[in-house]
Amino acid sequence: MEITVSDILKSPGAVMLYQQMQTALTEEARRREEFREWLTEDVKAEFINGEVVLHSPVKRGHYLISDRLNNLLRNFVLLKKLGTTAVEKALIALTRNDYEPDISFWGNEKAAAFNDNTMLHPAPDFIVEILSPSTKKHDRETKFEDYALHGIREYWIIDPDIQCVEQYALLVPTDTTYLPYGKFFPGEDIKSIVLPEFEIPIAAIFDEKANFEALKKMMG
């Protein structure tokens, strides 16, 4: 059950709870800075709710899905001059947690602030996560909640086992909870909410030939 500020204020110990929370979050912030100093390009890791979460190398199928989708998204964004994308190693710094999403997109307004030395990136406008046994819980729970709270307008969850893409979005910018827009399978097309002209066949995410055909169509 979610505990609200009003619930805490009903307790005579509210001030003590607040002080304990301050102490805990100060210590967590110190560990987060240590994590950022320790993190290198060779390490796949995230800082989630006070803990360093290390990730093992992805399987080839996971990488190929990420590569195919980013191939289409990146070229579309470049062609339309809409901003920039990143795959896996771009560190997203939210108010409490640091993530390395599988695919991220930032519109021109945010991307204009990036340079070659940028390490900490703001909340993207669109994120894609590809499920694996070790990341599934965070992708569906912690990140699902955190991404919505930070105004990341669109979130795709890809399940490689059943070749499905789940699409979620914030109905209006002030929303803090994602609404489901559908589950899509090969044979169907998916259309982005954030990038309305970005419409691709689901097969292009899972099949190399379909990906090539979708790219050819996109490039005209």
N, C-alpha and C. Protein backbone atom coordinates (compact mmCIF):
# COMPACT_ATOMS: atom_id res chain seq x y z
N MET A 1 0.84 -1.19 0.00
CA MET A 1 0.00 0.00 0.00
C MET A 1 0.88 1.25 0.00
N GLU A 2 0.55 2.23 -0.81
CA GLU A 2 1.33 3.46 -0.92
C GLU A 2 1.13 4.33 0.32
N ILE A 3 2.23 4.83 0.89
CA ILE A 3 2.18 5.71 2.05
C ILE A 3 2.34 7.15 1.57
N THR A 4 1.41 8.00 1.93
CA THR A 4 1.45 9.39 1.49
C THR A 4 2.01 10.29 2.60
N VAL A 5 2.31 11.54 2.23
CA VAL A 5 2.76 12.52 3.22
C VAL A 5 1.70 12.71 4.30
N SER A 6 0.45 12.71 3.89
CA SER A 6 -0.65 12.86 4.85
C SER A 6 -0.65 11.74 5.88
N ASP A 7 -0.34 10.51 5.43
CA ASP A 7 -0.26 9.38 6.35
C ASP A 7 0.84 9.60 7.39
N ILE A 8 2.00 10.07 6.94
CA ILE A 8 3.13 10.30 7.86
C ILE A 8 2.80 11.41 8.85
N LEU A 9 2.15 12.48 8.38
CA LEU A 9 1.84 13.61 9.24
C LEU A 9 0.83 13.26 10.33
N LYS A 10 0.12 12.17 10.17
CA LYS A 10 -0.82 11.72 11.20
C LYS A 10 -0.10 11.09 12.38
N SER A 11 1.19 10.78 12.20
CA SER A 11 1.96 10.13 13.25
C SER A 11 2.62 11.16 14.16
N PRO A 12 2.61 10.95 15.50
CA PRO A 12 3.33 11.84 16.40
C PRO A 12 4.84 11.84 16.13
N GLY A 13 5.32 10.76 15.51
CA GLY A 13 6.74 10.66 15.23
C GLY A 13 7.14 11.17 13.86
N ALA A 14 6.30 12.01 13.24
CA ALA A 14 6.56 12.48 11.88
C ALA A 14 7.91 13.17 11.75
N VAL A 15 8.25 14.02 12.72
CA VAL A 15 9.53 14.75 12.64
C VAL A 15 10.70 13.78 12.73
N MET A 16 10.61 12.81 13.62
CA MET A 16 11.69 11.83 13.74
C MET A 16 11.82 11.01 12.47
N LEU A 17 10.68 10.63 11.88
CA LEU A 17 10.73 9.90 10.61
C LEU A 17 11.38 10.74 9.52
N TYR A 18 11.05 12.03 9.49
CA TYR A 18 11.64 12.94 8.50
C TYR A 18 13.15 13.03 8.69
N GLN A 19 13.60 13.14 9.93
CA GLN A 19 15.04 13.23 10.20
C GLN A 19 15.76 11.94 9.80
N GLN A 20 15.12 10.81 10.09
CA GLN A 20 15.71 9.52 9.71
C GLN A 20 15.80 9.40 8.19
N MET A 21 14.76 9.88 7.50
CA MET A 21 14.76 9.84 6.04
C MET A 21 15.86 10.74 5.48
N GLN A 22 16.02 11.91 6.05
CA GLN A 22 17.09 12.82 5.60
C GLN A 22 18.45 12.17 5.73
N THR A 23 18.69 11.53 6.88
CA THR A 23 19.98 10.88 7.12
C THR A 23 20.21 9.76 6.11
N ALA A 24 19.17 8.95 5.88
CA ALA A 24 19.29 7.83 4.94
C ALA A 24 19.54 8.31 3.52
N LEU A 25 18.83 9.36 3.09
CA LEU A 25 18.99 9.87 1.72
C LEU A 25 20.32 10.58 1.53
N THR A 26 20.83 11.21 2.59
CA THR A 26 22.16 11.83 2.50
C THR A 26 23.23 10.76 2.29
N GLU A 27 23.13 9.67 3.03
CA GLU A 27 24.07 8.56 2.86
C GLU A 27 23.92 7.93 1.48
N GLU A 28 22.69 7.81 1.02
CA GLU A 28 22.45 7.24 -0.31
C GLU A 28 23.07 8.13 -1.39
N ALA A 29 22.94 9.44 -1.25
CA ALA A 29 23.53 10.37 -2.22
C ALA A 29 25.04 10.23 -2.27
N ARG A 30 25.65 10.00 -1.10
CA ARG A 30 27.11 9.79 -1.07
C ARG A 30 27.49 8.54 -1.84
N ARG A 31 26.75 7.45 -1.65
CA ARG A 31 27.04 6.21 -2.36
C ARG A 31 26.79 6.37 -3.86
N ARG A 32 25.82 7.18 -4.21
CA ARG A 32 25.53 7.42 -5.63
C ARG A 32 26.69 8.14 -6.30
N GLU A 33 27.29 9.11 -5.61
CA GLU A 33 28.46 9.80 -6.16
C GLU A 33 29.62 8.84 -6.32
N GLU A 34 29.81 7.94 -5.37
CA GLU A 34 30.86 6.92 -5.48
C GLU A 34 30.61 6.02 -6.67
N PHE A 35 29.34 5.66 -6.88
CA PHE A 35 28.98 4.83 -8.03
C PHE A 35 29.36 5.52 -9.33
N ARG A 36 29.05 6.79 -9.46
CA ARG A 36 29.35 7.53 -10.69
C ARG A 36 30.85 7.63 -10.94
N GLU A 37 31.62 7.78 -9.87
CA GLU A 37 33.08 7.85 -10.01
C GLU A 37 33.66 6.49 -10.39
N TRP A 38 33.04 5.43 -9.91
CA TRP A 38 33.51 4.07 -10.19
C TRP A 38 33.12 3.58 -11.57
N LEU A 39 31.95 4.02 -12.06
CA LEU A 39 31.41 3.51 -13.31
C LEU A 39 32.32 3.85 -14.49
N THR A 40 32.56 2.85 -15.37
CA THR A 40 33.37 3.04 -16.57
C THR A 40 32.59 2.59 -17.79
N GLU A 41 33.15 2.86 -18.96
CA GLU A 41 32.50 2.47 -20.21
C GLU A 41 32.40 0.96 -20.36
N ASP A 42 33.24 0.23 -19.63
CA ASP A 42 33.27 -1.23 -19.76
C ASP A 42 32.29 -1.93 -18.83
N VAL A 43 31.64 -1.16 -17.95
CA VAL A 43 30.75 -1.76 -16.95
C VAL A 43 29.31 -1.39 -17.24
N LYS A 44 28.44 -2.38 -17.22
CA LYS A 44 27.01 -2.16 -17.37
C LYS A 44 26.40 -2.23 -15.97
N ALA A 45 26.01 -1.06 -15.43
CA ALA A 45 25.49 -1.03 -14.07
C ALA A 45 24.54 0.14 -13.91
N GLU A 46 23.66 0.05 -12.92
CA GLU A 46 22.71 1.10 -12.62
C GLU A 46 22.65 1.30 -11.10
N PHE A 47 22.22 2.47 -10.70
CA PHE A 47 22.05 2.77 -9.27
C PHE A 47 20.55 2.89 -9.03
N ILE A 48 19.98 1.90 -8.33
CA ILE A 48 18.53 1.82 -8.19
C ILE A 48 18.15 1.73 -6.71
N ASN A 49 17.44 2.74 -6.23
CA ASN A 49 16.96 2.78 -4.85
C ASN A 49 18.06 2.48 -3.84
N GLY A 50 19.20 3.10 -4.06
CA GLY A 50 20.30 2.99 -3.10
C GLY A 50 21.24 1.83 -3.32
N GLU A 51 20.98 0.99 -4.31
CA GLU A 51 21.81 -0.18 -4.56
C GLU A 51 22.44 -0.13 -5.95
N VAL A 52 23.68 -0.62 -6.04
CA VAL A 52 24.34 -0.77 -7.34
C VAL A 52 23.89 -2.09 -7.95
N VAL A 53 23.30 -2.03 -9.13
CA VAL A 53 22.80 -3.23 -9.81
C VAL A 53 23.70 -3.49 -11.01
N LEU A 54 24.46 -4.58 -10.94
CA LEU A 54 25.35 -4.96 -12.03
C LEU A 54 24.60 -5.86 -13.01
N HIS A 55 24.88 -5.67 -14.30
CA HIS A 55 24.22 -6.47 -15.33
C HIS A 55 25.26 -7.31 -16.07
N SER A 56 24.92 -8.56 -16.31
CA SER A 56 25.79 -9.43 -17.09
C SER A 56 25.67 -9.07 -18.57
N PRO A 57 26.65 -9.46 -19.39
CA PRO A 57 26.56 -9.17 -20.83
C PRO A 57 25.26 -9.72 -21.42
N VAL A 58 24.67 -8.96 -22.33
CA VAL A 58 23.40 -9.39 -22.91
C VAL A 58 23.62 -10.52 -23.90
N LYS A 59 22.58 -11.32 -24.08
CA LYS A 59 22.63 -12.38 -25.08
C LYS A 59 22.51 -11.77 -26.48
N ARG A 60 22.95 -12.52 -27.47
CA ARG A 60 22.98 -12.01 -28.83
C ARG A 60 21.58 -11.57 -29.31
N GLY A 61 20.56 -12.35 -28.96
CA GLY A 61 19.21 -11.99 -29.38
C GLY A 61 18.78 -10.64 -28.84
N HIS A 62 19.13 -10.36 -27.61
CA HIS A 62 18.82 -9.07 -26.97
C HIS A 62 19.52 -7.94 -27.72
N TYR A 63 20.80 -8.13 -27.99
CA TYR A 63 21.56 -7.10 -28.68
C TYR A 63 21.01 -6.83 -30.08
N LEU A 64 20.65 -7.88 -30.80
CA LEU A 64 20.15 -7.70 -32.16
C LEU A 64 18.83 -6.95 -32.19
N ILE A 65 17.96 -7.22 -31.22
CA ILE A 65 16.70 -6.48 -31.13
C ILE A 65 16.98 -5.00 -30.91
N SER A 66 17.86 -4.71 -29.98
CA SER A 66 18.23 -3.33 -29.69
C SER A 66 18.84 -2.65 -30.92
N ASP A 67 19.71 -3.36 -31.60
CA ASP A 67 20.39 -2.81 -32.77
C ASP A 67 19.40 -2.53 -33.90
N ARG A 68 18.48 -3.46 -34.14
CA ARG A 68 17.51 -3.28 -35.24
C ARG A 68 16.59 -2.08 -34.96
N LEU A 69 16.05 -2.02 -33.75
CA LEU A 69 15.13 -0.92 -33.44
C LEU A 69 15.85 0.42 -33.47
N ASN A 70 17.04 0.47 -32.89
CA ASN A 70 17.77 1.74 -32.90
C ASN A 70 18.19 2.13 -34.32
N ASN A 71 18.44 1.14 -35.17
CA ASN A 71 18.77 1.42 -36.57
C ASN A 71 17.65 2.22 -37.22
N LEU A 72 16.41 1.82 -36.96
CA LEU A 72 15.27 2.52 -37.53
C LEU A 72 15.02 3.86 -36.83
N LEU A 73 15.05 3.85 -35.50
CA LEU A 73 14.77 5.07 -34.75
C LEU A 73 15.84 6.13 -35.00
N ARG A 74 17.09 5.74 -34.95
CA ARG A 74 18.17 6.71 -35.13
C ARG A 74 18.12 7.35 -36.51
N ASN A 75 17.92 6.53 -37.54
CA ASN A 75 17.86 7.08 -38.90
C ASN A 75 16.64 7.98 -39.10
N PHE A 76 15.52 7.61 -38.50
CA PHE A 76 14.33 8.44 -38.58
C PHE A 76 14.57 9.80 -37.92
N VAL A 77 15.16 9.77 -36.73
CA VAL A 77 15.43 11.01 -35.99
C VAL A 77 16.43 11.90 -36.73
N LEU A 78 17.45 11.28 -37.31
CA LEU A 78 18.42 12.05 -38.10
C LEU A 78 17.78 12.63 -39.35
N LEU A 79 16.99 11.82 -40.03
CA LEU A 79 16.35 12.25 -41.27
C LEU A 79 15.41 13.44 -41.02
N LYS A 80 14.68 13.40 -39.91
CA LYS A 80 13.71 14.45 -39.60
C LYS A 80 14.30 15.57 -38.74
N LYS A 81 15.55 15.39 -38.33
CA LYS A 81 16.24 16.38 -37.47
C LYS A 81 15.43 16.66 -36.20
N LEU A 82 15.15 15.58 -35.47
CA LEU A 82 14.26 15.67 -34.32
C LEU A 82 14.97 15.64 -32.97
N GLY A 83 16.27 15.32 -32.97
CA GLY A 83 16.98 15.21 -31.70
C GLY A 83 18.08 14.19 -31.79
N THR A 84 18.20 13.33 -30.76
CA THR A 84 19.26 12.33 -30.75
C THR A 84 18.80 11.07 -30.01
N THR A 85 19.48 9.97 -30.29
CA THR A 85 19.19 8.69 -29.62
C THR A 85 20.47 8.14 -29.00
N ALA A 86 20.31 7.16 -28.13
CA ALA A 86 21.45 6.47 -27.54
C ALA A 86 21.07 5.04 -27.25
N VAL A 87 22.07 4.17 -27.27
CA VAL A 87 21.86 2.75 -26.99
C VAL A 87 22.67 2.36 -25.76
N GLU A 88 21.99 1.83 -24.76
CA GLU A 88 22.54 1.16 -23.58
C GLU A 88 23.44 2.00 -22.66
N LYS A 89 24.54 2.55 -23.11
CA LYS A 89 25.51 3.12 -22.19
C LYS A 89 25.28 4.58 -21.82
N ALA A 90 24.21 5.20 -22.26
CA ALA A 90 23.92 6.57 -21.85
C ALA A 90 23.29 6.54 -20.46
N LEU A 91 23.94 7.20 -19.50
CA LEU A 91 23.47 7.17 -18.12
C LEU A 91 22.40 8.24 -17.91
N ILE A 92 21.22 7.79 -17.50
CA ILE A 92 20.09 8.68 -17.27
C ILE A 92 20.02 9.00 -15.78
N ALA A 93 20.15 10.26 -15.42
CA ALA A 93 20.18 10.67 -14.02
C ALA A 93 18.83 11.26 -13.63
N LEU A 94 18.02 10.47 -12.91
CA LEU A 94 16.75 10.97 -12.39
C LEU A 94 16.96 11.43 -10.95
N THR A 95 15.93 11.84 -10.26
CA THR A 95 16.13 12.47 -8.96
C THR A 95 16.78 11.55 -7.93
N ARG A 96 16.48 10.26 -8.02
CA ARG A 96 17.07 9.32 -7.06
C ARG A 96 17.94 8.27 -7.71
N ASN A 97 17.60 7.87 -8.92
CA ASN A 97 18.24 6.71 -9.54
C ASN A 97 18.97 7.05 -10.83
N ASP A 98 19.98 6.23 -11.15
CA ASP A 98 20.73 6.34 -12.40
C ASP A 98 20.49 5.06 -13.20
N TYR A 99 20.03 5.22 -14.45
CA TYR A 99 19.71 4.08 -15.30
C TYR A 99 20.49 4.13 -16.61
N GLU A 100 20.65 2.95 -17.22
CA GLU A 100 21.21 2.85 -18.57
C GLU A 100 20.18 2.11 -19.44
N PRO A 101 19.17 2.82 -19.95
CA PRO A 101 18.13 2.16 -20.74
C PRO A 101 18.70 1.53 -22.01
N ASP A 102 17.97 0.56 -22.56
CA ASP A 102 18.42 -0.07 -23.80
C ASP A 102 18.43 0.93 -24.94
N ILE A 103 17.39 1.75 -25.07
CA ILE A 103 17.33 2.77 -26.12
C ILE A 103 16.66 4.02 -25.52
N SER A 104 17.23 5.19 -25.85
CA SER A 104 16.67 6.45 -25.38
C SER A 104 16.58 7.45 -26.53
N PHE A 105 15.58 8.32 -26.46
CA PHE A 105 15.45 9.42 -27.42
C PHE A 105 15.19 10.72 -26.67
N TRP A 106 15.94 11.77 -27.06
CA TRP A 106 15.72 13.11 -26.55
C TRP A 106 15.39 14.03 -27.72
N GLY A 107 14.39 14.87 -27.56
CA GLY A 107 14.07 15.85 -28.58
C GLY A 107 15.12 16.95 -28.65
N ASN A 108 14.99 17.82 -29.63
CA ASN A 108 16.00 18.85 -29.89
C ASN A 108 16.27 19.75 -28.70
N GLU A 109 15.24 20.08 -27.95
CA GLU A 109 15.41 21.01 -26.83
C GLU A 109 16.39 20.47 -25.80
N LYS A 110 16.24 19.21 -25.42
CA LYS A 110 17.16 18.61 -24.46
C LYS A 110 18.51 18.28 -25.10
N ALA A 111 18.46 17.77 -26.33
CA ALA A 111 19.70 17.34 -27.00
C ALA A 111 20.65 18.51 -27.26
N ALA A 112 20.12 19.71 -27.35
CA ALA A 112 20.96 20.88 -27.62
C ALA A 112 21.98 21.13 -26.52
N ALA A 113 21.71 20.63 -25.32
CA ALA A 113 22.63 20.85 -24.20
C ALA A 113 23.74 19.81 -24.12
N PHE A 114 23.69 18.77 -24.95
CA PHE A 114 24.69 17.70 -24.90
C PHE A 114 25.98 18.11 -25.60
N ASN A 115 27.10 17.58 -25.09
CA ASN A 115 28.37 17.72 -25.78
C ASN A 115 29.15 16.42 -25.62
N ASP A 116 30.37 16.38 -26.16
CA ASP A 116 31.14 15.14 -26.15
C ASP A 116 31.52 14.69 -24.74
N ASN A 117 31.44 15.57 -23.76
CA ASN A 117 31.80 15.21 -22.39
C ASN A 117 30.58 14.92 -21.50
N THR A 118 29.40 14.96 -22.08
CA THR A 118 28.19 14.69 -21.29
C THR A 118 28.19 13.25 -20.81
N MET A 119 28.07 13.08 -19.49
CA MET A 119 27.96 11.73 -18.92
C MET A 119 26.58 11.52 -18.31
N LEU A 120 26.07 12.54 -17.62
CA LEU A 120 24.77 12.43 -16.96
C LEU A 120 23.71 13.08 -17.85
N HIS A 121 22.77 12.27 -18.30
CA HIS A 121 21.74 12.75 -19.21
C HIS A 121 20.42 12.96 -18.48
N PRO A 122 19.64 13.95 -18.90
CA PRO A 122 18.32 14.17 -18.30
C PRO A 122 17.33 13.11 -18.75
N ALA A 123 16.15 13.15 -18.18
CA ALA A 123 15.10 12.21 -18.56
C ALA A 123 14.83 12.31 -20.06
N PRO A 124 14.90 11.19 -20.78
CA PRO A 124 14.57 11.21 -22.21
C PRO A 124 13.08 11.47 -22.43
N ASP A 125 12.71 11.65 -23.69
CA ASP A 125 11.30 11.77 -24.04
C ASP A 125 10.67 10.42 -24.34
N PHE A 126 11.53 9.43 -24.63
CA PHE A 126 11.05 8.12 -25.06
C PHE A 126 12.12 7.10 -24.68
N ILE A 127 11.70 6.00 -24.06
CA ILE A 127 12.64 4.95 -23.63
C ILE A 127 12.11 3.59 -24.06
N VAL A 128 13.05 2.71 -24.42
CA VAL A 128 12.74 1.31 -24.73
C VAL A 128 13.58 0.42 -23.82
N GLU A 129 12.96 -0.55 -23.17
CA GLU A 129 13.67 -1.57 -22.41
C GLU A 129 13.33 -2.94 -22.98
N ILE A 130 14.35 -3.78 -23.10
CA ILE A 130 14.18 -5.14 -23.60
C ILE A 130 14.31 -6.09 -22.41
N LEU A 131 13.30 -6.88 -22.16
CA LEU A 131 13.26 -7.74 -20.99
C LEU A 131 14.33 -8.84 -21.05
N SER A 132 14.89 -9.13 -19.89
CA SER A 132 15.73 -10.31 -19.70
C SER A 132 15.41 -10.83 -18.30
N PRO A 133 15.77 -12.06 -17.99
CA PRO A 133 15.42 -12.60 -16.67
C PRO A 133 15.92 -11.74 -15.51
N SER A 134 17.09 -11.14 -15.66
CA SER A 134 17.68 -10.38 -14.56
C SER A 134 17.14 -8.97 -14.45
N THR A 135 16.56 -8.42 -15.53
CA THR A 135 16.09 -7.03 -15.49
C THR A 135 14.57 -6.90 -15.47
N LYS A 136 13.87 -8.00 -15.68
CA LYS A 136 12.42 -7.95 -15.88
C LYS A 136 11.69 -7.24 -14.74
N LYS A 137 12.06 -7.53 -13.49
CA LYS A 137 11.36 -6.95 -12.34
C LYS A 137 11.52 -5.43 -12.32
N HIS A 138 12.75 -4.96 -12.50
CA HIS A 138 12.98 -3.52 -12.49
C HIS A 138 12.30 -2.84 -13.68
N ASP A 139 12.36 -3.48 -14.86
CA ASP A 139 11.76 -2.88 -16.06
C ASP A 139 10.25 -2.72 -15.89
N ARG A 140 9.62 -3.68 -15.26
CA ARG A 140 8.16 -3.67 -15.14
C ARG A 140 7.66 -2.95 -13.88
N GLU A 141 8.52 -2.77 -12.91
CA GLU A 141 8.07 -2.18 -11.65
C GLU A 141 8.79 -0.86 -11.34
N THR A 142 10.04 -0.93 -10.91
CA THR A 142 10.75 0.28 -10.49
C THR A 142 10.87 1.29 -11.62
N LYS A 143 11.38 0.87 -12.76
CA LYS A 143 11.55 1.79 -13.88
C LYS A 143 10.21 2.26 -14.42
N PHE A 144 9.25 1.38 -14.48
CA PHE A 144 7.91 1.73 -14.97
C PHE A 144 7.36 2.91 -14.17
N GLU A 145 7.49 2.84 -12.85
CA GLU A 145 7.00 3.92 -11.99
C GLU A 145 7.88 5.16 -12.10
N ASP A 146 9.20 4.96 -12.06
CA ASP A 146 10.14 6.08 -12.05
C ASP A 146 10.10 6.86 -13.36
N TYR A 147 10.07 6.16 -14.48
CA TYR A 147 10.04 6.85 -15.78
C TYR A 147 8.79 7.72 -15.89
N ALA A 148 7.65 7.20 -15.44
CA ALA A 148 6.41 7.98 -15.51
C ALA A 148 6.47 9.19 -14.59
N LEU A 149 6.99 9.00 -13.37
CA LEU A 149 7.08 10.11 -12.42
C LEU A 149 7.94 11.25 -12.94
N HIS A 150 8.91 10.92 -13.79
CA HIS A 150 9.83 11.93 -14.32
C HIS A 150 9.44 12.42 -15.71
N GLY A 151 8.21 12.15 -16.10
CA GLY A 151 7.68 12.75 -17.32
C GLY A 151 8.22 12.18 -18.61
N ILE A 152 8.78 10.97 -18.58
CA ILE A 152 9.22 10.31 -19.81
C ILE A 152 7.96 9.86 -20.54
N ARG A 153 7.66 10.52 -21.63
CA ARG A 153 6.31 10.49 -22.19
C ARG A 153 5.91 9.15 -22.81
N GLU A 154 6.90 8.38 -23.24
CA GLU A 154 6.56 7.10 -23.89
C GLU A 154 7.56 6.04 -23.48
N TYR A 155 7.05 4.83 -23.23
CA TYR A 155 7.86 3.71 -22.76
C TYR A 155 7.42 2.45 -23.48
N TRP A 156 8.38 1.82 -24.17
CA TRP A 156 8.12 0.52 -24.80
C TRP A 156 8.84 -0.56 -24.01
N ILE A 157 8.16 -1.65 -23.74
CA ILE A 157 8.77 -2.84 -23.14
C ILE A 157 8.72 -3.95 -24.17
N ILE A 158 9.88 -4.48 -24.54
CA ILE A 158 9.96 -5.54 -25.54
C ILE A 158 10.22 -6.88 -24.87
N ASP A 159 9.38 -7.85 -25.16
CA ASP A 159 9.55 -9.21 -24.64
C ASP A 159 10.07 -10.08 -25.78
N PRO A 160 11.37 -10.43 -25.76
CA PRO A 160 11.94 -11.22 -26.85
C PRO A 160 11.38 -12.63 -26.95
N ASP A 161 10.95 -13.19 -25.82
CA ASP A 161 10.49 -14.57 -25.80
C ASP A 161 9.21 -14.77 -26.61
N ILE A 162 8.33 -13.80 -26.56
CA ILE A 162 7.06 -13.92 -27.30
C ILE A 162 6.97 -12.92 -28.45
N GLN A 163 8.07 -12.22 -28.71
CA GLN A 163 8.16 -11.23 -29.78
C GLN A 163 6.99 -10.24 -29.70
N CYS A 164 6.94 -9.55 -28.59
CA CYS A 164 5.86 -8.61 -28.32
C CYS A 164 6.44 -7.27 -27.88
N VAL A 165 5.78 -6.18 -28.30
CA VAL A 165 6.13 -4.84 -27.84
C VAL A 165 4.92 -4.27 -27.11
N GLU A 166 5.13 -3.90 -25.86
CA GLU A 166 4.09 -3.24 -25.07
C GLU A 166 4.35 -1.73 -25.11
N GLN A 167 3.33 -0.97 -25.42
CA GLN A 167 3.48 0.48 -25.55
C GLN A 167 2.71 1.18 -24.43
N TYR A 168 3.41 2.08 -23.73
CA TYR A 168 2.81 2.86 -22.66
C TYR A 168 3.13 4.34 -22.90
N ALA A 169 2.24 5.21 -22.44
CA ALA A 169 2.47 6.65 -22.62
C ALA A 169 1.73 7.43 -21.55
N LEU A 170 2.20 8.67 -21.34
CA LEU A 170 1.50 9.61 -20.47
C LEU A 170 0.47 10.35 -21.31
N LEU A 171 -0.76 10.32 -20.88
CA LEU A 171 -1.84 10.92 -21.66
C LEU A 171 -1.63 12.43 -21.81
N VAL A 172 -1.24 13.09 -20.72
CA VAL A 172 -0.90 14.51 -20.75
C VAL A 172 0.41 14.68 -19.99
N PRO A 173 1.19 15.74 -20.26
CA PRO A 173 2.51 15.91 -19.63
C PRO A 173 2.49 15.91 -18.11
N THR A 174 1.36 16.29 -17.49
CA THR A 174 1.31 16.35 -16.04
C THR A 174 0.98 15.01 -15.39
N ASP A 175 0.66 14.00 -16.19
CA ASP A 175 0.37 12.68 -15.64
C ASP A 175 1.63 12.06 -15.03
N THR A 176 1.43 11.19 -14.05
CA THR A 176 2.55 10.50 -13.42
C THR A 176 2.38 8.99 -13.46
N THR A 177 1.41 8.51 -14.22
CA THR A 177 1.16 7.08 -14.35
C THR A 177 0.93 6.75 -15.82
N TYR A 178 1.61 5.72 -16.30
CA TYR A 178 1.46 5.34 -17.71
C TYR A 178 0.11 4.69 -17.98
N LEU A 179 -0.41 4.97 -19.17
CA LEU A 179 -1.57 4.27 -19.68
C LEU A 179 -1.11 3.30 -20.76
N PRO A 180 -1.66 2.08 -20.79
CA PRO A 180 -1.29 1.13 -21.85
C PRO A 180 -1.94 1.51 -23.17
N TYR A 181 -1.13 1.50 -24.24
CA TYR A 181 -1.65 1.80 -25.57
C TYR A 181 -1.78 0.55 -26.43
N GLY A 182 -1.30 -0.58 -25.94
CA GLY A 182 -1.48 -1.82 -26.69
C GLY A 182 -0.29 -2.74 -26.62
N LYS A 183 -0.54 -3.99 -27.03
CA LYS A 183 0.51 -4.99 -27.20
C LYS A 183 0.54 -5.36 -28.67
N PHE A 184 1.74 -5.36 -29.26
CA PHE A 184 1.86 -5.53 -30.70
C PHE A 184 2.80 -6.70 -31.01
N PHE A 185 2.42 -7.46 -32.05
CA PHE A 185 3.14 -8.66 -32.42
C PHE A 185 3.51 -8.59 -33.91
N PRO A 186 4.45 -9.44 -34.38
CA PRO A 186 4.77 -9.49 -35.80
C PRO A 186 3.50 -9.64 -36.65
N GLY A 187 3.43 -8.89 -37.73
CA GLY A 187 2.23 -8.83 -38.55
C GLY A 187 1.44 -7.56 -38.29
N GLU A 188 1.81 -6.85 -37.20
CA GLU A 188 1.16 -5.58 -36.86
C GLU A 188 2.19 -4.46 -36.94
N ASP A 189 1.69 -3.22 -37.01
CA ASP A 189 2.54 -2.04 -36.98
C ASP A 189 2.37 -1.33 -35.65
N ILE A 190 3.41 -0.62 -35.22
CA ILE A 190 3.34 0.20 -34.02
C ILE A 190 3.70 1.63 -34.38
N LYS A 191 2.96 2.58 -33.81
CA LYS A 191 3.16 4.00 -34.10
C LYS A 191 3.50 4.72 -32.80
N SER A 192 4.61 5.46 -32.80
CA SER A 192 5.03 6.17 -31.61
C SER A 192 4.06 7.29 -31.25
N ILE A 193 3.91 7.54 -29.95
CA ILE A 193 3.11 8.65 -29.47
C ILE A 193 3.93 9.93 -29.51
N VAL A 194 5.17 9.85 -29.08
CA VAL A 194 6.06 11.01 -29.04
C VAL A 194 6.51 11.43 -30.44
N LEU A 195 6.72 10.44 -31.30
CA LEU A 195 7.16 10.68 -32.68
C LEU A 195 6.09 10.11 -33.62
N PRO A 196 4.99 10.83 -33.82
CA PRO A 196 3.83 10.28 -34.53
C PRO A 196 4.12 9.75 -35.93
N GLU A 197 5.15 10.28 -36.61
CA GLU A 197 5.47 9.80 -37.95
C GLU A 197 6.32 8.53 -37.92
N PHE A 198 6.79 8.17 -36.73
CA PHE A 198 7.60 6.96 -36.60
C PHE A 198 6.67 5.77 -36.43
N GLU A 199 6.38 5.10 -37.54
CA GLU A 199 5.50 3.94 -37.56
C GLU A 199 6.23 2.81 -38.26
N ILE A 200 6.39 1.67 -37.58
CA ILE A 200 7.18 0.58 -38.13
C ILE A 200 6.46 -0.75 -37.92
N PRO A 201 6.76 -1.74 -38.77
CA PRO A 201 6.22 -3.08 -38.53
C PRO A 201 6.96 -3.75 -37.38
N ILE A 202 6.24 -4.43 -36.54
CA ILE A 202 6.86 -5.13 -35.41
C ILE A 202 7.89 -6.14 -35.90
N ALA A 203 7.63 -6.75 -37.05
CA ALA A 203 8.57 -7.74 -37.60
C ALA A 203 9.95 -7.14 -37.81
N ALA A 204 10.03 -5.84 -38.06
CA ALA A 204 11.31 -5.18 -38.31
C ALA A 204 12.20 -5.14 -37.08
N ILE A 205 11.61 -5.35 -35.91
CA ILE A 205 12.39 -5.40 -34.67
C ILE A 205 13.01 -6.77 -34.46
N PHE A 206 12.37 -7.81 -35.00
CA PHE A 206 12.80 -9.18 -34.73
C PHE A 206 13.42 -9.89 -35.93
N ASP A 207 13.31 -9.31 -37.11
CA ASP A 207 13.78 -9.99 -38.32
C ASP A 207 14.65 -9.04 -39.15
N GLU A 208 15.82 -9.52 -39.55
CA GLU A 208 16.79 -8.68 -40.26
C GLU A 208 16.26 -8.22 -41.62
N LYS A 209 15.64 -9.12 -42.36
CA LYS A 209 15.13 -8.76 -43.68
C LYS A 209 14.02 -7.73 -43.57
N ALA A 210 13.10 -7.94 -42.62
CA ALA A 210 12.01 -6.98 -42.42
C ALA A 210 12.56 -5.63 -41.97
N ASN A 211 13.63 -5.65 -41.19
CA ASN A 211 14.27 -4.41 -40.76
C ASN A 211 14.84 -3.64 -41.94
N PHE A 212 15.49 -4.36 -42.83
CA PHE A 212 16.09 -3.73 -44.01
C PHE A 212 15.01 -3.13 -44.91
N GLU A 213 13.92 -3.86 -45.08
CA GLU A 213 12.82 -3.35 -45.91
C GLU A 213 12.18 -2.11 -45.29
N ALA A 214 12.03 -2.12 -43.97
CA ALA A 214 11.46 -0.94 -43.29
C ALA A 214 12.38 0.26 -43.39
N LEU A 215 13.69 0.02 -43.32
CA LEU A 215 14.64 1.11 -43.45
C LEU A 215 14.63 1.69 -44.88
N LYS A 216 14.56 0.82 -45.87
CA LYS A 216 14.49 1.29 -47.26
C LYS A 216 13.25 2.16 -47.47
N LYS A 217 12.13 1.73 -46.93
CA LYS A 217 10.89 2.49 -47.08
C LYS A 217 11.01 3.84 -46.37
N MET A 218 11.63 3.85 -45.23
CA MET A 218 11.79 5.09 -44.46
C MET A 218 12.66 6.10 -45.20
N MET A 219 13.73 5.59 -45.82
CA MET A 219 14.68 6.46 -46.48
C MET A 219 14.19 6.90 -47.87
N GLY A 220 13.10 6.28 -48.32
CA GLY A 220 12.52 6.67 -49.61
C GLY A 220 13.28 6.14 -50.78
